[in-house]
Amino acid sequence: MDNLNRVVGSISQPAKGKSASSKKMKWREIEQIRDKFQLEKELKIYEDSLEYMLEDF
C-alpha cells in the first residue's frame, strides 16, 4: 500500500524538469524569431541601398 501511495503522489505532482525546460525552449524559439526579424530588417536596408546603386548604372 505504501508503494501505491508513492506512485499516486508522484503522478499527481507536476514534473519540475519538463516545465522548466519547456519554458526555456519557448524562450529560445522566441529569441530565434526576434533574431530572424532583425536580420530581415538589416538585409532589407542593404537591399534597398543596392537597388539605388543599380539604378544609377
N, C-alpha and C. Protein backbone atom coordinates (compact mmCIF):
# COMPACT_ATOMS: atom_id res chain seq x y z
N MET A 1 0.82 -1.19 0.00
CA MET A 1 0.00 0.00 0.00
C MET A 1 0.86 1.26 0.00
N ASP A 2 1.98 1.21 0.68
CA ASP A 2 2.88 2.37 0.72
C ASP A 2 3.42 2.68 -0.69
N ASN A 3 3.75 1.66 -1.45
CA ASN A 3 4.23 1.86 -2.81
C ASN A 3 3.15 2.50 -3.68
N LEU A 4 1.94 2.07 -3.48
CA LEU A 4 0.82 2.62 -4.24
C LEU A 4 0.65 4.11 -3.94
N ASN A 5 0.76 4.49 -2.69
CA ASN A 5 0.65 5.90 -2.31
C ASN A 5 1.77 6.74 -2.95
N ARG A 6 2.97 6.19 -3.01
CA ARG A 6 4.09 6.90 -3.63
C ARG A 6 3.84 7.12 -5.12
N VAL A 7 3.33 6.09 -5.78
CA VAL A 7 3.06 6.21 -7.21
C VAL A 7 1.98 7.24 -7.47
N VAL A 8 0.90 7.17 -6.69
CA VAL A 8 -0.20 8.12 -6.85
C VAL A 8 0.29 9.53 -6.55
N GLY A 9 1.10 9.69 -5.55
CA GLY A 9 1.64 11.00 -5.19
C GLY A 9 2.55 11.55 -6.26
N SER A 10 3.34 10.70 -6.87
CA SER A 10 4.25 11.18 -7.91
C SER A 10 3.51 11.53 -9.20
N ILE A 11 2.40 10.87 -9.45
CA ILE A 11 1.61 11.18 -10.64
C ILE A 11 0.89 12.51 -10.47
N SER A 12 0.40 12.78 -9.29
CA SER A 12 -0.37 14.00 -9.07
C SER A 12 0.51 15.25 -9.02
N GLN A 13 1.80 15.11 -8.74
CA GLN A 13 2.70 16.26 -8.69
C GLN A 13 3.17 16.61 -10.09
N PRO A 14 3.22 17.90 -10.42
CA PRO A 14 3.71 18.29 -11.74
C PRO A 14 5.20 18.03 -11.86
N ALA A 15 5.62 17.68 -13.05
CA ALA A 15 7.04 17.43 -13.30
C ALA A 15 7.77 18.76 -13.34
N LYS A 16 8.80 18.89 -12.53
CA LYS A 16 9.52 20.15 -12.44
C LYS A 16 10.45 20.34 -13.63
N GLY A 17 11.12 19.30 -14.05
CA GLY A 17 12.09 19.41 -15.12
C GLY A 17 11.47 19.72 -16.46
N LYS A 18 10.33 19.14 -16.74
CA LYS A 18 9.70 19.34 -18.04
C LYS A 18 9.23 20.77 -18.23
N SER A 19 8.58 21.33 -17.24
CA SER A 19 8.05 22.68 -17.41
C SER A 19 9.17 23.71 -17.52
N ALA A 20 10.23 23.53 -16.77
CA ALA A 20 11.34 24.47 -16.84
C ALA A 20 12.04 24.38 -18.19
N SER A 21 12.28 23.17 -18.66
CA SER A 21 12.96 23.03 -19.94
C SER A 21 12.04 23.45 -21.08
N SER A 22 10.74 23.25 -20.91
CA SER A 22 9.78 23.67 -21.93
C SER A 22 9.76 25.19 -22.04
N LYS A 23 9.80 25.87 -20.89
CA LYS A 23 9.83 27.33 -20.90
C LYS A 23 11.10 27.84 -21.57
N LYS A 24 12.22 27.19 -21.29
CA LYS A 24 13.49 27.60 -21.89
C LYS A 24 13.44 27.41 -23.40
N MET A 25 12.84 26.30 -23.84
CA MET A 25 12.74 26.05 -25.28
C MET A 25 11.87 27.11 -25.94
N LYS A 26 10.78 27.49 -25.29
CA LYS A 26 9.90 28.52 -25.85
C LYS A 26 10.63 29.85 -25.96
N TRP A 27 11.40 30.21 -24.92
CA TRP A 27 12.13 31.47 -24.96
C TRP A 27 13.20 31.43 -26.04
N ARG A 28 13.83 30.27 -26.23
CA ARG A 28 14.82 30.15 -27.31
C ARG A 28 14.16 30.35 -28.66
N GLU A 29 12.96 29.77 -28.83
CA GLU A 29 12.24 29.93 -30.08
C GLU A 29 11.89 31.41 -30.31
N ILE A 30 11.44 32.08 -29.25
CA ILE A 30 11.10 33.49 -29.36
C ILE A 30 12.33 34.31 -29.74
N GLU A 31 13.46 34.02 -29.11
CA GLU A 31 14.69 34.75 -29.42
C GLU A 31 15.13 34.49 -30.86
N GLN A 32 14.96 33.26 -31.34
CA GLN A 32 15.31 32.95 -32.72
C GLN A 32 14.43 33.72 -33.69
N ILE A 33 13.15 33.83 -33.37
CA ILE A 33 12.23 34.58 -34.23
C ILE A 33 12.60 36.06 -34.23
N ARG A 34 12.93 36.60 -33.07
CA ARG A 34 13.36 38.00 -32.99
C ARG A 34 14.62 38.24 -33.81
N ASP A 35 15.58 37.32 -33.68
CA ASP A 35 16.82 37.45 -34.44
C ASP A 35 16.55 37.38 -35.94
N LYS A 36 15.64 36.52 -36.33
CA LYS A 36 15.30 36.39 -37.75
C LYS A 36 14.70 37.69 -38.27
N PHE A 37 13.77 38.28 -37.53
CA PHE A 37 13.16 39.54 -37.95
C PHE A 37 14.18 40.66 -37.99
N GLN A 38 15.08 40.69 -37.03
CA GLN A 38 16.13 41.71 -37.01
C GLN A 38 17.04 41.56 -38.23
N LEU A 39 17.41 40.33 -38.55
CA LEU A 39 18.25 40.08 -39.71
C LEU A 39 17.53 40.49 -41.00
N GLU A 40 16.25 40.17 -41.09
CA GLU A 40 15.48 40.56 -42.27
C GLU A 40 15.43 42.08 -42.42
N LYS A 41 15.28 42.79 -41.30
CA LYS A 41 15.29 44.26 -41.35
C LYS A 41 16.61 44.79 -41.88
N GLU A 42 17.70 44.25 -41.33
CA GLU A 42 19.02 44.69 -41.75
C GLU A 42 19.27 44.38 -43.22
N LEU A 43 18.87 43.22 -43.66
CA LEU A 43 19.06 42.86 -45.06
C LEU A 43 18.21 43.73 -45.98
N LYS A 44 17.03 44.11 -45.53
CA LYS A 44 16.16 44.97 -46.32
C LYS A 44 16.82 46.34 -46.54
N ILE A 45 17.48 46.86 -45.52
CA ILE A 45 18.19 48.13 -45.65
C ILE A 45 19.28 48.03 -46.72
N TYR A 46 20.05 46.94 -46.67
CA TYR A 46 21.11 46.77 -47.66
C TYR A 46 20.53 46.52 -49.05
N GLU A 47 19.45 45.79 -49.12
CA GLU A 47 18.82 45.50 -50.40
C GLU A 47 18.34 46.80 -51.07
N ASP A 48 17.73 47.65 -50.28
CA ASP A 48 17.26 48.93 -50.81
C ASP A 48 18.42 49.79 -51.32
N SER A 49 19.50 49.81 -50.57
CA SER A 49 20.65 50.63 -51.00
C SER A 49 21.27 50.05 -52.26
N LEU A 50 21.28 48.75 -52.40
CA LEU A 50 21.83 48.13 -53.61
C LEU A 50 20.95 48.44 -54.82
N GLU A 51 19.64 48.50 -54.62
CA GLU A 51 18.76 48.84 -55.73
C GLU A 51 19.03 50.25 -56.23
N TYR A 52 19.27 51.18 -55.32
CA TYR A 52 19.59 52.55 -55.72
C TYR A 52 20.90 52.60 -56.49
N MET A 53 21.85 51.82 -56.06
CA MET A 53 23.15 51.78 -56.75
C MET A 53 22.99 51.24 -58.16
N LEU A 54 22.17 50.23 -58.33
CA LEU A 54 21.97 49.62 -59.64
C LEU A 54 21.20 50.54 -60.57
N GLU A 55 20.32 51.36 -60.02
CA GLU A 55 19.57 52.30 -60.84
C GLU A 55 20.49 53.36 -61.44
N ASP A 56 21.55 53.70 -60.74
CA ASP A 56 22.49 54.71 -61.24
C ASP A 56 23.26 54.21 -62.46
N PHE A 57 23.42 52.91 -62.57
CA PHE A 57 24.19 52.37 -63.69
C PHE A 57 23.26 52.01 -64.77
